[in-house]
C-alpha cells in the first residue's frame, strides 16, 4: 500500500544549559563554565523511492536530540545530532503550524524543517573586569516544533494512464529497469511505479475506471499523480470491443478531476495488437486517430512497435533540454 499523505509532528532538540564553574587551580582562578551544545535540527531530503513515507504510517513524531549541558574547565557540551527524514521527489511539505509550504522537486534536495535551539552560555562568557566571579549562565533555548503534512504528488516526464489491465506495466518494464507487477487481472498495479528511460522518468499510474474522479475503484488518490506528469501515454487495449468508449471514459474522468489535464500532450497507444487481426487493428487505429492523431499500435512482442515508442520518448527528451 502506497502511503502518500501523512501528518507528522517534528520537534527539534533543546539547547543545553550553560555551566557555572570556577577553576580551582592556583594562579588560574576564574570562571570556566562552558556553554551548552545546540539542539539537533531536523531536515527533509528527497529520494527516488516512492515508498519511503511508509515510515510514518504508524510513527507520527520525529524528535531530535537535545544539546548537552556545558561542563567545567571551559568545555562546551556536545551538539544534539541532526536528523534527516527522507521523502519522495514530488512531495509537498505543508507547515500546518504556520501555513508555509515547500515543494521538493529535485532528487537530493534538502530543506530545514525545524531548527535546534541554541545552547546557553556558561559563566565564562559573563566575566569582566568588574565581575571576576560571575555566577550568571543561560538556559538553552527550545528547538522549533511544528506539525507538517507530507503529500506526495508524483513528478514524471511521462505518465502511463488507462483502464486496468491494458499493458501499462508491461510497457514500463520493457522500456526501463522497473519491476512493475504484471498479471492478467484488474488492479494488478496498486501504487505508481517509476522507471527511467535515459533522462526521462516514466510513471505507471494505477488503472482508472469510470467514476474514478468521485473516488470509485482506486479513485481520486491516483488522479492527483497525473497532475504532475508532463506527457500522457494513454493505453487502450486492442481486444476492447469499444476503443472509442474506453478512451472517452478516461478523458471524462480526467476532465472531471481537473480540466487542465485535458490540455496535456497525449499519445494514444493501442496495446496488445498481436492479439487481433491486422485488418481489425487498422480500423481501430483509424477510429482513434479521429480523436487524437498521435495514435499508434504497440505490442511488447513486436520490437518494431517498441522502436516507435522509443522514437517518441527520444523526441520528448530532446524537447526537455530545449
C-alpha atoms as a PDB file:
ATOM      1  CA  UNK A   1       0.000   0.000   0.000  1.00  0.00           C
ATOM      2  CA  UNK A   2       1.408   3.364  -1.035  1.00  0.00           C
ATOM      3  CA  UNK A   3       1.438   5.899   1.788  1.00  0.00           C
ATOM      4  CA  UNK A   4       1.360   9.288   0.060  1.00  0.00           C
ATOM      5  CA  UNK A   5      -0.324  11.653   2.521  1.00  0.00           C
ATOM      6  CA  UNK A   6       0.686  11.841   6.190  1.00  0.00           C
ATOM      7  CA  UNK A   7       0.728  14.320   9.058  1.00  0.00           C
ATOM      8  CA  UNK A   8       3.671  14.254  11.446  1.00  0.00           C
ATOM      9  CA  UNK A   9       4.927  16.279  14.389  1.00  0.00           C
ATOM     10  CA  UNK A  10       8.541  17.445  14.185  1.00  0.00           C
ATOM     11  CA  UNK A  11      10.399  18.672  17.272  1.00  0.00           C
ATOM     12  CA  UNK A  12      13.988  19.883  17.133  1.00  0.00           C
ATOM     13  CA  UNK A  13      16.279  19.461  20.145  1.00  0.00           C
ATOM     14  CA  UNK A  14      16.576  21.921  23.003  1.00  0.00           C
ATOM     15  CA  UNK A  15      19.889  23.683  23.584  1.00  0.00           C
ATOM     16  CA  UNK A  16      21.961  22.577  26.559  1.00  0.00           C
ATOM     17  CA  UNK A  17      22.283  24.710  29.686  1.00  0.00           C
ATOM     18  CA  UNK A  18      25.429  26.747  30.268  1.00  0.00           C
ATOM     19  CA  UNK A  19      27.604  25.677  33.214  1.00  0.00           C
ATOM     20  CA  UNK A  20      28.663  27.637  36.290  1.00  0.00           C
ATOM     21  CA  UNK A  21      32.123  26.520  37.306  1.00  0.00           C
ATOM     22  CA  UNK A  22      35.340  28.015  38.665  1.00  0.00           C
ATOM     23  CA  UNK A  23      38.916  26.978  38.178  1.00  0.00           C
ATOM     24  CA  UNK A  24      40.388  25.678  41.418  1.00  0.00           C
ATOM     25  CA  UNK A  25      43.938  25.595  40.129  1.00  0.00           C
ATOM     26  CA  UNK A  26      46.158  28.064  41.974  1.00  0.00           C
ATOM     27  CA  UNK A  27      47.201  31.071  39.862  1.00  0.00           C
ATOM     28  CA  UNK A  28      44.449  30.232  37.324  1.00  0.00           C
ATOM     29  CA  UNK A  29      41.363  31.130  39.276  1.00  0.00           C
ATOM     30  CA  UNK A  30      38.288  32.371  37.455  1.00  0.00           C
ATOM     31  CA  UNK A  31      35.059  31.282  35.740  1.00  0.00           C
ATOM     32  CA  UNK A  32      35.379  28.242  33.481  1.00  0.00           C
ATOM     33  CA  UNK A  33      31.764  27.239  32.839  1.00  0.00           C
ATOM     34  CA  UNK A  34      31.324  26.043  29.271  1.00  0.00           C
ATOM     35  CA  UNK A  35      28.347  26.620  27.007  1.00  0.00           C
ATOM     36  CA  UNK A  36      25.629  24.116  26.283  1.00  0.00           C
ATOM     37  CA  UNK A  37      25.533  22.386  22.921  1.00  0.00           C
ATOM     38  CA  UNK A  38      22.986  23.314  20.274  1.00  0.00           C
ATOM     39  CA  UNK A  39      19.926  21.106  19.900  1.00  0.00           C
ATOM     40  CA  UNK A  40      19.681  18.834  16.881  1.00  0.00           C
ATOM     41  CA  UNK A  41      17.859  20.182  13.820  1.00  0.00           C
ATOM     42  CA  UNK A  42      15.525  18.203  11.539  1.00  0.00           C
ATOM     43  CA  UNK A  43      15.777  18.203   7.751  1.00  0.00           C
ATOM     44  CA  UNK A  44      13.822  16.643   4.873  1.00  0.00           C
ATOM     45  CA  UNK A  45      15.684  15.267   1.843  1.00  0.00           C
ATOM     46  CA  UNK A  46      14.211  13.849  -1.352  1.00  0.00           C
ATOM     47  CA  UNK A  47      14.872  10.406  -2.806  1.00  0.00           C
ATOM     48  CA  UNK A  48      13.504   8.446  -5.789  1.00  0.00           C
ATOM     49  CA  UNK A  49      11.877   5.749  -3.634  1.00  0.00           C
ATOM     50  CA  UNK A  50       8.104   6.348  -3.647  1.00  0.00           C
ATOM     51  CA  UNK A  51       7.582   4.135  -0.617  1.00  0.00           C
ATOM     52  CA  UNK A  52       9.613   5.991   1.996  1.00  0.00           C
ATOM     53  CA  UNK A  53       6.581   7.705   3.544  1.00  0.00           C
ATOM     54  CA  UNK A  54       5.596   4.281   4.877  1.00  0.00           C
ATOM     55  CA  UNK A  55       7.894   5.031   7.802  1.00  0.00           C
ATOM     56  CA  UNK A  56       5.221   7.434   9.042  1.00  0.00           C
ATOM     57  CA  UNK A  57       2.285   5.073   8.735  1.00  0.00           C
ATOM     58  CA  UNK A  58       2.425   4.427  12.478  1.00  0.00           C
ATOM     59  CA  UNK A  59       5.258   6.653  13.688  1.00  0.00           C
ATOM     60  CA  UNK A  60       3.792  10.159  13.755  1.00  0.00           C
ATOM     61  CA  UNK A  61       6.506  12.143  15.511  1.00  0.00           C
ATOM     62  CA  UNK A  62      10.171  12.910  14.912  1.00  0.00           C
ATOM     63  CA  UNK A  63      12.231  14.256  17.817  1.00  0.00           C
ATOM     64  CA  UNK A  64      15.870  15.347  17.612  1.00  0.00           C
ATOM     65  CA  UNK A  65      18.365  15.055  20.472  1.00  0.00           C
ATOM     66  CA  UNK A  66      18.853  17.890  22.935  1.00  0.00           C
ATOM     67  CA  UNK A  67      22.206  19.620  23.216  1.00  0.00           C
ATOM     68  CA  UNK A  68      24.415  18.530  26.094  1.00  0.00           C
ATOM     69  CA  UNK A  69      24.827  20.839  29.105  1.00  0.00           C
ATOM     70  CA  UNK A  70      28.098  22.730  29.419  1.00  0.00           C
ATOM     71  CA  UNK A  71      30.943  21.440  31.613  1.00  0.00           C
ATOM     72  CA  UNK A  72      33.643  22.919  33.802  1.00  0.00           C
ATOM     73  CA  UNK A  73      37.123  23.769  32.565  1.00  0.00           C
ATOM     74  CA  UNK A  74      35.541  25.707  29.667  1.00  0.00           C
ATOM     75  CA  UNK A  75      34.328  22.532  27.975  1.00  0.00           C
ATOM     76  CA  UNK A  76      31.245  23.081  25.883  1.00  0.00           C
ATOM     77  CA  UNK A  77      28.511  20.482  25.702  1.00  0.00           C
ATOM     78  CA  UNK A  78      28.143  18.412  22.538  1.00  0.00           C
ATOM     79  CA  UNK A  79      25.561  19.420  19.955  1.00  0.00           C
ATOM     80  CA  UNK A  80      22.498  17.217  19.555  1.00  0.00           C
ATOM     81  CA  UNK A  81      22.600  15.010  16.469  1.00  0.00           C
ATOM     82  CA  UNK A  82      20.706  16.315  13.444  1.00  0.00           C
ATOM     83  CA  UNK A  83      18.018  14.129  11.897  1.00  0.00           C
ATOM     84  CA  UNK A  84      17.239  13.826   8.189  1.00  0.00           C
ATOM     85  CA  UNK A  85      13.935  12.307   7.139  1.00  0.00           C
ATOM     86  CA  UNK A  86      13.586  11.052   3.581  1.00  0.00           C
ATOM     87  CA  UNK A  87      10.628  11.876   1.363  1.00  0.00           C
ATOM     88  CA  UNK A  88       9.888  11.046  -2.289  1.00  0.00           C
ATOM     89  CA  UNK A  89      10.656  13.544  -5.035  1.00  0.00           C
ATOM     90  CA  UNK A  90       7.450  15.469  -5.667  1.00  0.00           C
ATOM     91  CA  UNK A  91       6.469  15.768  -2.006  1.00  0.00           C
ATOM     92  CA  UNK A  92       4.653  18.939  -0.965  1.00  0.00           C
ATOM     93  CA  UNK A  93       5.546  19.802   2.630  1.00  0.00           C
ATOM     94  CA  UNK A  94       2.953  21.985   4.331  1.00  0.00           C
ATOM     95  CA  UNK A  95       3.722  23.519   7.712  1.00  0.00           C
ATOM     96  CA  UNK A  96       0.314  23.273   9.369  1.00  0.00           C
ATOM     97  CA  UNK A  97       1.511  25.319  12.343  1.00  0.00           C
ATOM     98  CA  UNK A  98       2.382  28.485  10.414  1.00  0.00           C
ATOM     99  CA  UNK A  99       0.862  27.963   6.965  1.00  0.00           C
ATOM    100  CA  UNK A 100       4.110  27.932   4.989  1.00  0.00           C
ATOM    101  CA  UNK A 101       4.638  25.391   2.214  1.00  0.00           C
ATOM    102  CA  UNK A 102       7.649  23.847   0.499  1.00  0.00           C
ATOM    103  CA  UNK A 103       7.863  21.657  -2.581  1.00  0.00           C
ATOM    104  CA  UNK A 104      10.714  19.249  -3.222  1.00  0.00           C
ATOM    105  CA  UNK A 105      11.163  18.725  -6.952  1.00  0.00           C
ATOM    106  CA  UNK A 106      14.760  17.535  -7.346  1.00  0.00           C
ATOM    107  CA  UNK A 107      16.495  14.355  -6.226  1.00  0.00           C
ATOM    108  CA  UNK A 108      18.725  15.058  -3.220  1.00  0.00           C
ATOM    109  CA  UNK A 109      17.126  18.426  -2.444  1.00  0.00           C
ATOM    110  CA  UNK A 110      17.306  19.145   1.284  1.00  0.00           C
ATOM    111  CA  UNK A 111      15.352  21.651   3.371  1.00  0.00           C
ATOM    112  CA  UNK A 112      15.298  22.601   7.040  1.00  0.00           C
ATOM    113  CA  UNK A 113      12.062  21.661   8.810  1.00  0.00           C
ATOM    114  CA  UNK A 114      12.851  22.604  12.421  1.00  0.00           C
ATOM    115  CA  UNK A 115      15.947  24.331  13.786  1.00  0.00           C
ATOM    116  CA  UNK A 116      17.503  23.164  17.035  1.00  0.00           C
ATOM    117  CA  UNK A 117      17.634  25.507  19.994  1.00  0.00           C
ATOM    118  CA  UNK A 118      20.799  27.487  20.713  1.00  0.00           C
ATOM    119  CA  UNK A 119      22.874  26.294  23.651  1.00  0.00           C
ATOM    120  CA  UNK A 120      23.070  28.612  26.677  1.00  0.00           C
ATOM    121  CA  UNK A 121      26.304  30.366  27.628  1.00  0.00           C
ATOM    122  CA  UNK A 122      28.282  29.341  30.689  1.00  0.00           C
ATOM    123  CA  UNK A 123      29.623  31.759  33.244  1.00  0.00           C
ATOM    124  CA  UNK A 124      32.958  32.036  31.421  1.00  0.00           C
ATOM    125  CA  UNK A 125      31.240  34.366  28.934  1.00  0.00           C
ATOM    126  CA  UNK A 126      29.982  36.685  31.664  1.00  0.00           C
ATOM    127  CA  UNK A 127      33.414  37.515  33.114  1.00  0.00           C
ATOM    128  CA  UNK A 128      34.603  41.115  33.042  1.00  0.00           C
ATOM    129  CA  UNK A 129      36.992  43.448  34.829  1.00  0.00           C
ATOM    130  CA  UNK A 130      34.264  44.369  37.292  1.00  0.00           C
ATOM    131  CA  UNK A 131      32.710  40.889  37.501  1.00  0.00           C
ATOM    132  CA  UNK A 132      35.554  38.454  38.019  1.00  0.00           C
ATOM    133  CA  UNK A 133      33.462  35.692  39.601  1.00  0.00           C
ATOM    134  CA  UNK A 134      30.160  35.665  37.672  1.00  0.00           C
ATOM    135  CA  UNK A 135      27.552  33.098  38.542  1.00  0.00           C
ATOM    136  CA  UNK A 136      25.337  34.004  35.617  1.00  0.00           C
ATOM    137  CA  UNK A 137      24.533  31.410  32.964  1.00  0.00           C
ATOM    138  CA  UNK A 138      21.900  30.865  30.289  1.00  0.00           C
ATOM    139  CA  UNK A 139      19.385  28.111  29.853  1.00  0.00           C
ATOM    140  CA  UNK A 140      19.355  26.548  26.411  1.00  0.00           C
ATOM    141  CA  UNK A 141      16.629  27.671  24.023  1.00  0.00           C
ATOM    142  CA  UNK A 142      13.835  25.345  22.947  1.00  0.00           C
ATOM    143  CA  UNK A 143      14.011  23.820  19.485  1.00  0.00           C
ATOM    144  CA  UNK A 144      11.336  24.589  16.920  1.00  0.00           C
ATOM    145  CA  UNK A 145       8.292  22.334  16.873  1.00  0.00           C
ATOM    146  CA  UNK A 146       5.788  22.107  14.035  1.00  0.00           C
ATOM    147  CA  UNK A 147       3.119  19.880  12.549  1.00  0.00           C
ATOM    148  CA  UNK A 148       3.725  19.025   8.894  1.00  0.00           C
ATOM    149  CA  UNK A 149       1.595  17.463   6.198  1.00  0.00           C
ATOM    150  CA  UNK A 150       3.651  15.458   3.703  1.00  0.00           C
ATOM    151  CA  UNK A 151       1.749  14.899   0.458  1.00  0.00           C
ATOM    152  CA  UNK A 152       3.296  13.093  -2.476  1.00  0.00           C
ATOM    153  CA  UNK A 153       2.367  14.483  -5.868  1.00  0.00           C
ATOM    154  CA  UNK A 154       4.279  12.359  -8.317  1.00  0.00           C
ATOM    155  CA  UNK A 155       6.557  14.145 -10.775  1.00  0.00           C
ATOM    156  CA  UNK A 156       7.274  12.323 -14.028  1.00  0.00           C
ATOM    157  CA  UNK A 157       8.032  13.263 -17.602  1.00  0.00           C
ATOM    158  CA  UNK A 158       5.602  10.680 -18.996  1.00  0.00           C
ATOM    159  CA  UNK A 159       2.615   9.179 -17.213  1.00  0.00           C
ATOM    160  CA  UNK A 160       1.036   5.895 -18.367  1.00  0.00           C
ATOM    161  CA  UNK A 161      -2.747   6.037 -17.958  1.00  0.00           C
ATOM    162  CA  UNK A 162      -5.696   3.908 -18.986  1.00  0.00           C
ATOM    163  CA  UNK A 163      -8.224   1.377 -17.773  1.00  0.00           C
ATOM    164  CA  UNK A 164      -6.972  -1.563 -15.682  1.00  0.00           C
ATOM    165  CA  UNK A 165      -5.033  -4.358 -17.394  1.00  0.00           C
ATOM    166  CA  UNK A 166      -4.236  -2.516 -20.630  1.00  0.00           C
ATOM    167  CA  UNK A 167      -0.495  -3.264 -20.711  1.00  0.00           C
ATOM    168  CA  UNK A 168       0.978  -0.212 -18.994  1.00  0.00           C
ATOM    169  CA  UNK A 169       3.131  -2.228 -16.596  1.00  0.00           C
ATOM    170  CA  UNK A 170       4.460  -4.474 -19.349  1.00  0.00           C
ATOM    171  CA  UNK A 171       5.476  -1.441 -21.375  1.00  0.00           C
ATOM    172  CA  UNK A 172       7.197   0.216 -18.414  1.00  0.00           C
ATOM    173  CA  UNK A 173       9.175  -2.965 -17.740  1.00  0.00           C
ATOM    174  CA  UNK A 174      10.088  -3.243 -21.421  1.00  0.00           C
ATOM    175  CA  UNK A 175      11.371   0.325 -21.680  1.00  0.00           C
ATOM    176  CA  UNK A 176      13.106   0.585 -18.304  1.00  0.00           C
ATOM    177  CA  UNK A 177      14.564  -1.483 -15.488  1.00  0.00           C
ATOM    178  CA  UNK A 178      11.361  -1.108 -13.479  1.00  0.00           C
ATOM    179  CA  UNK A 179       9.873  -4.169 -11.798  1.00  0.00           C
ATOM    180  CA  UNK A 180       6.207  -3.207 -12.025  1.00  0.00           C
ATOM    181  CA  UNK A 181       3.896  -6.111 -11.166  1.00  0.00           C
ATOM    182  CA  UNK A 182       2.241  -7.823 -14.124  1.00  0.00           C
ATOM    183  CA  UNK A 183      -0.763 -10.184 -14.070  1.00  0.00           C
ATOM    184  CA  UNK A 184      -3.888 -10.886 -16.085  1.00  0.00           C
ATOM    185  CA  UNK A 185      -6.417  -9.310 -13.748  1.00  0.00           C
ATOM    186  CA  UNK A 186      -7.687  -5.839 -12.959  1.00  0.00           C
ATOM    187  CA  UNK A 187      -5.895  -3.570 -10.499  1.00  0.00           C
ATOM    188  CA  UNK A 188      -2.624  -5.506 -10.611  1.00  0.00           C
ATOM    189  CA  UNK A 189      -0.868  -2.185 -10.040  1.00  0.00           C
ATOM    190  CA  UNK A 190      -1.926  -0.811  -6.670  1.00  0.00           C
ATOM    191  CA  UNK A 191       0.603   2.012  -6.488  1.00  0.00           C
ATOM    192  CA  UNK A 192       2.557   4.070  -9.039  1.00  0.00           C
ATOM    193  CA  UNK A 193       5.785   2.606 -10.363  1.00  0.00           C
ATOM    194  CA  UNK A 194       8.663   4.653 -11.727  1.00  0.00           C
ATOM    195  CA  UNK A 195      11.216   3.781 -14.355  1.00  0.00           C
ATOM    196  CA  UNK A 196      13.988   5.732 -16.057  1.00  0.00           C
ATOM    197  CA  UNK A 197      14.383   5.872 -19.835  1.00  0.00           C
ATOM    198  CA  UNK A 198      17.720   7.647 -20.101  1.00  0.00           C
ATOM    199  CA  UNK A 199      16.947  11.062 -18.560  1.00  0.00           C
ATOM    200  CA  UNK A 200      13.158  10.667 -18.677  1.00  0.00           C
ATOM    201  CA  UNK A 201      11.131   9.483 -15.692  1.00  0.00           C
ATOM    202  CA  UNK A 202       8.217   7.246 -16.711  1.00  0.00           C
ATOM    203  CA  UNK A 203       5.367   6.520 -14.307  1.00  0.00           C
ATOM    204  CA  UNK A 204       2.901   3.648 -14.440  1.00  0.00           C
ATOM    205  CA  UNK A 205      -0.262   5.106 -12.875  1.00  0.00           C
ATOM    206  CA  UNK A 206      -2.694   2.502 -11.471  1.00  0.00           C
ATOM    207  CA  UNK A 207      -5.661   1.770 -13.722  1.00  0.00           C
ATOM    208  CA  UNK A 208      -8.564   4.209 -13.674  1.00  0.00           C
ATOM    209  CA  UNK A 209     -12.229   3.357 -14.151  1.00  0.00           C
ATOM    210  CA  UNK A 210     -15.457   5.237 -14.726  1.00  0.00           C
ATOM    211  CA  UNK A 211     -16.232   7.129 -11.543  1.00  0.00           C
ATOM    212  CA  UNK A 212     -12.564   7.430 -10.513  1.00  0.00           C
ATOM    213  CA  UNK A 213     -12.872  11.214 -10.110  1.00  0.00           C
ATOM    214  CA  UNK A 214     -15.506  10.564  -7.439  1.00  0.00           C
ATOM    215  CA  UNK A 215     -13.386   8.004  -5.622  1.00  0.00           C
ATOM    216  CA  UNK A 216     -14.584   4.795  -7.280  1.00  0.00           C
ATOM    217  CA  UNK A 217     -12.074   1.956  -7.641  1.00  0.00           C
ATOM    218  CA  UNK A 218      -8.575   3.182  -6.849  1.00  0.00           C
ATOM    219  CA  UNK A 219     -10.099   6.583  -7.471  1.00  0.00           C
ATOM    220  CA  UNK A 220      -9.022  10.093  -6.842  1.00  0.00           C
ATOM    221  CA  UNK A 221      -5.930   9.020  -4.909  1.00  0.00           C
ATOM    222  CA  UNK A 222      -4.071   8.371  -8.159  1.00  0.00           C
ATOM    223  CA  UNK A 223      -5.646  11.031 -10.355  1.00  0.00           C
ATOM    224  CA  UNK A 224      -3.658  13.609  -8.400  1.00  0.00           C
ATOM    225  CA  UNK A 225      -0.439  11.914  -9.564  1.00  0.00           C
ATOM    226  CA  UNK A 226      -1.446  12.537 -13.185  1.00  0.00           C
ATOM    227  CA  UNK A 227      -1.437  16.285 -12.462  1.00  0.00           C
ATOM    228  CA  UNK A 228       2.349  16.438 -12.251  1.00  0.00           C
ATOM    229  CA  UNK A 229       3.200  14.451 -15.388  1.00  0.00           C
ATOM    230  CA  UNK A 230       4.158  16.440 -18.458  1.00  0.00           C
ATOM    231  CA  UNK A 231       3.100  13.999 -21.202  1.00  0.00           C
ATOM    232  CA  UNK A 232       0.450  11.264 -21.108  1.00  0.00           C
ATOM    233  CA  UNK A 233       0.643   7.885 -22.808  1.00  0.00           C
ATOM    234  CA  UNK A 234      -2.990   6.751 -22.923  1.00  0.00           C
ATOM    235  CA  UNK A 235      -3.164   2.955 -23.260  1.00  0.00           C
ATOM    236  CA  UNK A 236      -6.219   1.299 -24.800  1.00  0.00           C
ATOM    237  CA  UNK A 237      -6.432  -2.465 -25.204  1.00  0.00           C
ATOM    238  CA  UNK A 238      -6.767  -3.698 -28.796  1.00  0.00           C
ATOM    239  CA  UNK A 239      -9.052  -6.515 -27.634  1.00  0.00           C
ATOM    240  CA  UNK A 240     -11.652  -3.993 -26.412  1.00  0.00           C
ATOM    241  CA  UNK A 241     -14.982  -4.001 -28.245  1.00  0.00           C
ATOM    242  CA  UNK A 242     -15.262  -0.222 -27.844  1.00  0.00           C
ATOM    243  CA  UNK A 243     -11.893   1.528 -28.039  1.00  0.00           C
ATOM    244  CA  UNK A 244     -13.511   4.939 -28.523  1.00  0.00           C
ATOM    245  CA  UNK A 245     -15.685   4.409 -25.456  1.00  0.00           C
ATOM    246  CA  UNK A 246     -12.645   3.366 -23.412  1.00  0.00           C
ATOM    247  CA  UNK A 247     -10.807   6.495 -24.498  1.00  0.00           C
ATOM    248  CA  UNK A 248     -13.712   8.791 -23.654  1.00  0.00           C
ATOM    249  CA  UNK A 249     -14.197   7.137 -20.247  1.00  0.00           C
ATOM    250  CA  UNK A 250     -10.702   8.051 -19.109  1.00  0.00           C
ATOM    251  CA  UNK A 251     -10.818  11.509 -20.684  1.00  0.00           C
ATOM    252  CA  UNK A 252     -14.080  12.213 -18.889  1.00  0.00           C
ATOM    253  CA  UNK A 253     -12.590  11.292 -15.518  1.00  0.00           C
ATOM    254  CA  UNK A 254      -9.519  13.444 -16.170  1.00  0.00           C
ATOM    255  CA  UNK A 255     -11.720  16.423 -17.001  1.00  0.00           C
ATOM    256  CA  UNK A 256     -13.997  15.946 -14.009  1.00  0.00           C
ATOM    257  CA  UNK A 257     -10.991  15.894 -11.715  1.00  0.00           C
ATOM    258  CA  UNK A 258      -9.105  18.780 -13.318  1.00  0.00           C
ATOM    259  CA  UNK A 259      -9.827  20.256 -16.764  1.00  0.00           C
ATOM    260  CA  UNK A 260      -6.165  21.222 -17.118  1.00  0.00           C
ATOM    261  CA  UNK A 261      -5.319  17.527 -17.507  1.00  0.00           C
ATOM    262  CA  UNK A 262      -7.085  17.550 -20.865  1.00  0.00           C
ATOM    263  CA  UNK A 263      -4.565  20.071 -22.188  1.00  0.00           C
ATOM    264  CA  UNK A 264      -1.524  17.865 -21.620  1.00  0.00           C
ATOM    265  CA  UNK A 265       0.307  16.415 -24.612  1.00  0.00           C
ATOM    266  CA  UNK A 266      -1.170  12.960 -25.152  1.00  0.00           C
ATOM    267  CA  UNK A 267      -0.298   9.906 -27.209  1.00  0.00           C
ATOM    268  CA  UNK A 268      -2.719   7.006 -27.650  1.00  0.00           C
ATOM    269  CA  UNK A 269      -1.095   3.573 -27.559  1.00  0.00           C
ATOM    270  CA  UNK A 270      -3.372   0.805 -28.798  1.00  0.00           C
ATOM    271  CA  UNK A 271      -1.807  -2.070 -26.879  1.00  0.00           C
ATOM    272  CA  UNK A 272      -1.633  -5.848 -27.374  1.00  0.00           C
ATOM    273  CA  UNK A 273      -2.131  -5.537 -31.123  1.00  0.00           C
ATOM    274  CA  UNK A 274      -0.627  -9.017 -31.576  1.00  0.00           C
ATOM    275  CA  UNK A 275      -3.896 -10.452 -30.209  1.00  0.00           C
ATOM    276  CA  UNK A 276      -6.053  -9.200 -33.107  1.00  0.00           C
ATOM    277  CA  UNK A 277      -6.044  -9.441 -36.883  1.00  0.00           C
ATOM    278  CA  UNK A 278      -4.164  -6.618 -38.681  1.00  0.00           C
ATOM    279  CA  UNK A 279      -7.337  -5.539 -40.509  1.00  0.00           C
ATOM    280  CA  UNK A 280      -9.185  -5.033 -37.221  1.00  0.00           C
ATOM    281  CA  UNK A 281      -6.227  -3.178 -35.710  1.00  0.00           C
ATOM    282  CA  UNK A 282      -6.160  -0.845 -38.709  1.00  0.00           C
ATOM    283  CA  UNK A 283      -9.861   0.008 -38.233  1.00  0.00           C
ATOM    284  CA  UNK A 284      -9.415   0.744 -34.547  1.00  0.00           C
ATOM    285  CA  UNK A 285      -6.371   2.929 -35.118  1.00  0.00           C
ATOM    286  CA  UNK A 286      -8.329   4.869 -37.739  1.00  0.00           C
ATOM    287  CA  UNK A 287     -11.145   5.461 -35.240  1.00  0.00           C
ATOM    288  CA  UNK A 288      -8.744   6.619 -32.541  1.00  0.00           C
ATOM    289  CA  UNK A 289      -6.812   8.892 -34.877  1.00  0.00           C
ATOM    290  CA  UNK A 290     -10.017  10.866 -35.415  1.00  0.00           C
ATOM    291  CA  UNK A 291      -9.877  11.643 -31.678  1.00  0.00           C
ATOM    292  CA  UNK A 292      -6.114  12.106 -31.475  1.00  0.00           C
ATOM    293  CA  UNK A 293      -3.743  11.979 -34.469  1.00  0.00           C
ATOM    294  CA  UNK A 294      -0.933  10.854 -32.138  1.00  0.00           C
ATOM    295  CA  UNK A 295      -2.086   7.224 -32.156  1.00  0.00           C
ATOM    296  CA  UNK A 296      -0.035   4.095 -32.766  1.00  0.00           C
ATOM    297  CA  UNK A 297      -0.382   0.361 -32.248  1.00  0.00           C
ATOM    298  CA  UNK A 298       2.036  -1.375 -29.880  1.00  0.00           C
ATOM    299  CA  UNK A 299       2.911  -4.811 -28.566  1.00  0.00           C
ATOM    300  CA  UNK A 300       5.854  -5.865 -26.433  1.00  0.00           C
ATOM    301  CA  UNK A 301       6.043  -8.957 -28.689  1.00  0.00           C
ATOM    302  CA  UNK A 302       6.638  -6.778 -31.759  1.00  0.00           C
ATOM    303  CA  UNK A 303      10.022  -4.991 -31.433  1.00  0.00           C
ATOM    304  CA  UNK A 304       9.306  -2.646 -34.331  1.00  0.00           C
ATOM    305  CA  UNK A 305       6.409  -1.107 -32.393  1.00  0.00           C
ATOM    306  CA  UNK A 306       8.598  -0.642 -29.314  1.00  0.00           C
ATOM    307  CA  UNK A 307      11.070   1.196 -31.535  1.00  0.00           C
ATOM    308  CA  UNK A 308       8.284   3.617 -32.478  1.00  0.00           C
ATOM    309  CA  UNK A 309       7.578   4.295 -28.809  1.00  0.00           C
ATOM    310  CA  UNK A 310      11.280   4.911 -28.224  1.00  0.00           C
ATOM    311  CA  UNK A 311      11.317   7.450 -31.065  1.00  0.00           C
ATOM    312  CA  UNK A 312       8.558   9.382 -29.273  1.00  0.00           C
ATOM    313  CA  UNK A 313      10.449   9.230 -25.980  1.00  0.00           C
ATOM    314  CA  UNK A 314      13.642  10.406 -27.678  1.00  0.00           C
ATOM    315  CA  UNK A 315      11.738  13.375 -29.089  1.00  0.00           C
ATOM    316  CA  UNK A 316      10.275  14.190 -25.650  1.00  0.00           C
ATOM    317  CA  UNK A 317      13.762  14.013 -24.120  1.00  0.00           C
ATOM    318  CA  UNK A 318      15.146  16.323 -26.812  1.00  0.00           C
ATOM    319  CA  UNK A 319      12.356  18.840 -26.168  1.00  0.00           C
ATOM    320  CA  UNK A 320      13.034  18.656 -22.435  1.00  0.00           C
ATOM    321  CA  UNK A 321      16.530  20.070 -22.934  1.00  0.00           C
ATOM    322  CA  UNK A 322      15.492  22.983 -25.147  1.00  0.00           C
END
